[in-house]
Amino acid sequence: MTPRPVLNRILLALTGLVMLGGGLLIMAAGLDLYRRHDLAPPAGWPLTTPDDILLSSADRARWSSQGWWWWPAVIATLALITLLALWWLLAQLRRRHPGAMPVGGTPPQEGVELRDRALSDAIATEARALPDVEQADVRITGRPAHPRTHITLTLTPQGTPDAVLNALCEGPLLAAHQSTGSPRMPTEARLRVARHKPHRAQ
């Protein structure tokens, strides 16, 4: 797994936990669950009854007397958080595949390009023709100058991973390197075995 998906999952998990905790806190107070079930919330716990508010009159007066710089600082912080959230969202929507890749090595031949979809389809077609391979899915990510290949192979119950990997490297992947002129293309291969009914011993 590349660092970006790991970071995205961590941020999504943290965001989800914060939102879930806030939602449960508000729901418990709104439904008056503490009183109904005779539960004692921790000391200083916010929102324990439906009549509670986040900021009391004393808190509002205290924050209002901080000085002229306080609210501009709060607004600037919130604006920065909003901009970072928008930047992160746009980064997720940004295309993560190279699109068109130059062909012909380094430097590439002028005007000669290969669509990443065409290359992934070609690799998948050749991979499906390998012995003991039932299904092959190929996805190419990264930048045009530094593409990465992600391959998922479904093996037959009789297939052996070592033999299939050797055939994959010496067949479809070698042909892809030769056709694009790329000296190296990092590849991640995931192997799984197709589901099959258990054999019964007679």
Protein backbone atom coordinates (compact mmCIF):
# COMPACT_ATOMS: atom_id res chain seq x y z
CA MET A 1 0.00 0.00 0.00
CA THR A 2 1.39 3.39 -0.98
CA PRO A 3 1.78 6.18 1.62
CA ARG A 4 -1.07 8.29 0.21
CA PRO A 5 -3.82 5.67 0.68
CA VAL A 6 -2.49 4.94 4.18
CA LEU A 7 -2.62 8.65 5.08
CA ASN A 8 -6.08 8.99 3.55
CA ARG A 9 -7.39 6.08 5.57
CA ILE A 10 -5.92 7.43 8.78
CA LEU A 11 -7.44 10.88 8.18
CA LEU A 12 -10.79 9.37 7.25
CA ALA A 13 -10.73 7.16 10.35
CA LEU A 14 -9.88 10.08 12.66
CA THR A 15 -12.51 12.31 11.05
CA GLY A 16 -15.08 9.54 11.33
CA LEU A 17 -14.28 8.94 14.99
CA VAL A 18 -14.58 12.64 15.83
CA MET A 19 -17.89 12.97 14.00
CA LEU A 20 -19.21 9.74 15.53
CA GLY A 21 -18.23 10.84 19.04
CA GLY A 22 -19.81 14.26 18.57
CA GLY A 23 -22.98 12.74 17.16
CA LEU A 24 -23.32 10.26 20.01
CA LEU A 25 -22.71 13.03 22.55
CA ILE A 26 -25.42 15.23 21.06
CA MET A 27 -27.84 12.30 20.69
CA ALA A 28 -27.35 11.20 24.30
CA ALA A 29 -28.09 14.70 25.53
CA GLY A 30 -31.01 15.31 23.18
CA LEU A 31 -32.71 12.04 24.14
CA ASP A 32 -31.91 12.59 27.83
CA LEU A 33 -30.36 9.12 28.01
CA TYR A 34 -28.33 9.86 31.14
CA ARG A 35 -31.44 10.58 33.23
CA ARG A 36 -33.56 7.82 31.69
CA HIS A 37 -30.98 5.11 32.36
CA ASP A 38 -29.63 6.53 35.65
CA LEU A 39 -26.17 7.11 34.19
CA ALA A 40 -23.70 9.51 35.76
CA PRO A 41 -21.63 11.33 33.13
CA PRO A 42 -18.05 12.33 34.02
CA ALA A 43 -17.53 15.62 35.83
CA GLY A 44 -17.44 18.55 33.44
CA TRP A 45 -18.99 16.46 30.66
CA PRO A 46 -20.73 18.77 28.14
CA LEU A 47 -24.28 18.28 26.94
CA THR A 48 -25.83 15.97 29.53
CA THR A 49 -29.47 17.15 29.27
CA PRO A 50 -31.64 18.47 26.45
CA ASP A 51 -31.50 21.98 27.98
CA ASP A 52 -27.68 22.17 27.98
CA ILE A 53 -25.83 24.51 25.63
CA LEU A 54 -22.24 24.43 24.41
CA LEU A 55 -21.34 27.93 25.63
CA SER A 56 -22.89 29.39 28.73
CA SER A 57 -23.40 33.13 29.26
CA ALA A 58 -20.24 33.25 31.40
CA ASP A 59 -18.21 31.50 28.71
CA ARG A 60 -19.49 33.84 26.01
CA ALA A 61 -18.67 36.89 28.15
CA ARG A 62 -15.19 35.51 28.90
CA TRP A 63 -14.37 34.85 25.26
CA SER A 64 -15.77 38.21 24.18
CA SER A 65 -13.40 40.03 26.56
CA GLN A 66 -10.22 38.47 25.14
CA GLY A 67 -9.37 41.50 23.04
CA TRP A 68 -9.61 42.64 19.45
CA TRP A 69 -7.24 39.91 18.15
CA TRP A 70 -9.21 36.93 19.45
CA TRP A 71 -12.03 36.63 16.90
CA PRO A 72 -9.82 37.44 13.87
CA ALA A 73 -7.48 34.65 15.05
CA VAL A 74 -10.40 32.23 15.42
CA ILE A 75 -11.77 33.13 11.98
CA ALA A 76 -8.31 32.77 10.40
CA THR A 77 -7.83 29.35 12.02
CA LEU A 78 -11.23 28.14 10.83
CA ALA A 79 -10.53 29.47 7.34
CA LEU A 80 -7.19 27.66 7.28
CA ILE A 81 -8.83 24.40 8.37
CA THR A 82 -11.46 24.84 5.65
CA LEU A 83 -8.83 25.46 2.97
CA LEU A 84 -6.84 22.41 4.06
CA ALA A 85 -10.00 20.29 3.95
CA LEU A 86 -10.80 21.56 0.43
CA TRP A 87 -7.22 20.90 -0.70
CA TRP A 88 -7.40 17.36 0.65
CA LEU A 89 -10.75 16.78 -1.07
CA LEU A 90 -9.43 18.05 -4.41
CA ALA A 91 -6.37 15.82 -4.01
CA GLN A 92 -8.68 12.81 -3.72
CA LEU A 93 -10.59 13.81 -6.85
CA ARG A 94 -7.43 14.37 -8.83
CA ARG A 95 -6.73 11.76 -11.47
CA ARG A 96 -4.33 9.13 -10.17
CA HIS A 97 -3.48 7.39 -13.41
CA PRO A 98 -0.94 8.61 -15.96
CA GLY A 99 -3.34 8.93 -18.90
CA ALA A 100 -0.93 8.82 -21.84
CA MET A 101 2.60 7.48 -21.44
CA PRO A 102 5.51 8.22 -23.78
CA VAL A 103 6.77 5.28 -25.81
CA GLY A 104 10.30 4.62 -26.96
CA GLY A 105 12.51 4.78 -23.90
CA THR A 106 14.48 7.81 -22.69
CA PRO A 107 14.15 10.22 -24.37
CA PRO A 108 10.81 9.02 -25.80
CA GLN A 109 9.96 9.23 -29.47
CA GLU A 110 8.31 12.54 -30.22
CA GLY A 111 4.55 12.34 -30.56
CA VAL A 112 4.33 8.62 -29.73
CA GLU A 113 2.15 7.91 -26.71
CA LEU A 114 0.33 4.93 -25.26
CA ARG A 115 -2.84 5.20 -23.24
CA ASP A 116 -2.57 3.62 -19.82
CA ARG A 117 -5.91 1.90 -20.34
CA ALA A 118 -4.68 0.24 -23.53
CA LEU A 119 -1.54 -1.01 -21.81
CA SER A 120 -3.44 -2.33 -18.78
CA ASP A 121 -5.92 -4.13 -21.08
CA ALA A 122 -3.05 -5.70 -23.01
CA ILE A 123 -1.32 -6.89 -19.84
CA ALA A 124 -4.59 -8.27 -18.47
CA THR A 125 -5.36 -10.14 -21.72
CA GLU A 126 -1.93 -11.77 -21.76
CA ALA A 127 -2.10 -12.55 -18.05
CA ARG A 128 -5.46 -14.32 -18.44
CA ALA A 129 -3.86 -16.57 -21.06
CA LEU A 130 -1.20 -17.78 -18.61
CA PRO A 131 -1.52 -21.31 -17.25
CA ASP A 132 -3.47 -21.65 -13.99
CA VAL A 133 -4.79 -18.06 -14.20
CA GLU A 134 -8.57 -17.74 -14.08
CA GLN A 135 -8.94 -13.95 -13.94
CA ALA A 136 -6.62 -10.94 -14.18
CA ASP A 137 -7.28 -7.29 -13.35
CA VAL A 138 -4.65 -4.65 -14.13
CA ARG A 139 -4.56 -1.00 -13.08
CA ILE A 140 -1.83 1.54 -13.86
CA THR A 141 -1.28 4.53 -11.57
CA GLY A 142 1.35 7.20 -11.06
CA ARG A 143 2.75 9.84 -13.34
CA PRO A 144 3.49 9.33 -17.06
CA ALA A 145 7.24 9.24 -16.42
CA HIS A 146 6.91 6.97 -13.38
CA PRO A 147 3.97 4.58 -13.84
CA ARG A 148 3.14 1.81 -11.40
CA THR A 149 1.35 -1.40 -12.29
CA HIS A 150 -1.11 -3.09 -9.92
CA ILE A 151 -2.10 -6.62 -10.90
CA THR A 152 -4.65 -8.88 -9.21
CA LEU A 153 -4.59 -12.50 -10.36
CA THR A 154 -7.14 -15.15 -9.49
CA LEU A 155 -5.53 -18.56 -9.70
CA THR A 156 -7.18 -21.90 -10.28
CA PRO A 157 -7.12 -24.29 -7.32
CA GLN A 158 -4.27 -26.16 -9.01
CA GLY A 159 -2.13 -23.05 -9.60
CA THR A 160 1.13 -22.38 -7.76
CA PRO A 161 2.10 -18.75 -7.00
CA ASP A 162 5.80 -19.19 -7.88
CA ALA A 163 5.13 -20.55 -11.33
CA VAL A 164 2.46 -17.96 -12.08
CA LEU A 165 4.69 -15.06 -10.94
CA ASN A 166 7.58 -16.27 -13.08
CA ALA A 167 5.30 -16.59 -16.08
CA LEU A 168 3.88 -13.13 -15.41
CA CYS A 169 7.33 -11.51 -15.22
CA GLU A 170 8.69 -13.31 -18.28
CA GLY A 171 5.54 -12.84 -20.32
CA PRO A 172 3.10 -9.90 -20.00
CA LEU A 173 5.35 -7.64 -17.91
CA LEU A 174 8.40 -8.18 -20.11
CA ALA A 175 6.30 -7.47 -23.20
CA ALA A 176 4.98 -4.26 -21.57
CA HIS A 177 8.51 -3.08 -20.79
CA GLN A 178 9.66 -3.80 -24.33
CA SER A 179 6.65 -2.13 -25.96
CA THR A 180 6.93 1.05 -23.93
CA GLY A 181 10.72 1.19 -23.78
CA SER A 182 10.49 1.78 -20.04
CA PRO A 183 13.55 0.37 -18.24
CA ARG A 184 11.60 -0.28 -15.06
CA MET A 185 7.97 -0.21 -14.07
CA PRO A 186 7.29 -0.98 -10.38
CA THR A 187 4.68 -3.70 -10.18
CA GLU A 188 2.52 -4.90 -7.31
CA ALA A 189 0.94 -8.32 -7.82
CA ARG A 190 -1.75 -9.78 -5.59
CA LEU A 191 -2.62 -13.44 -5.93
CA ARG A 192 -5.73 -15.20 -4.73
CA VAL A 193 -7.24 -18.60 -5.35
CA ALA A 194 -10.65 -19.03 -6.91
CA ARG A 195 -13.32 -20.48 -4.66
CA HIS A 196 -13.95 -24.15 -5.18
CA LYS A 197 -15.96 -26.90 -3.56
CA PRO A 198 -14.00 -29.05 -1.07
CA HIS A 199 -13.02 -32.49 -2.29
CA ARG A 200 -14.57 -35.40 -0.46
CA ALA A 201 -12.45 -38.37 0.45
CA GLN A 202 -14.03 -41.67 -0.48
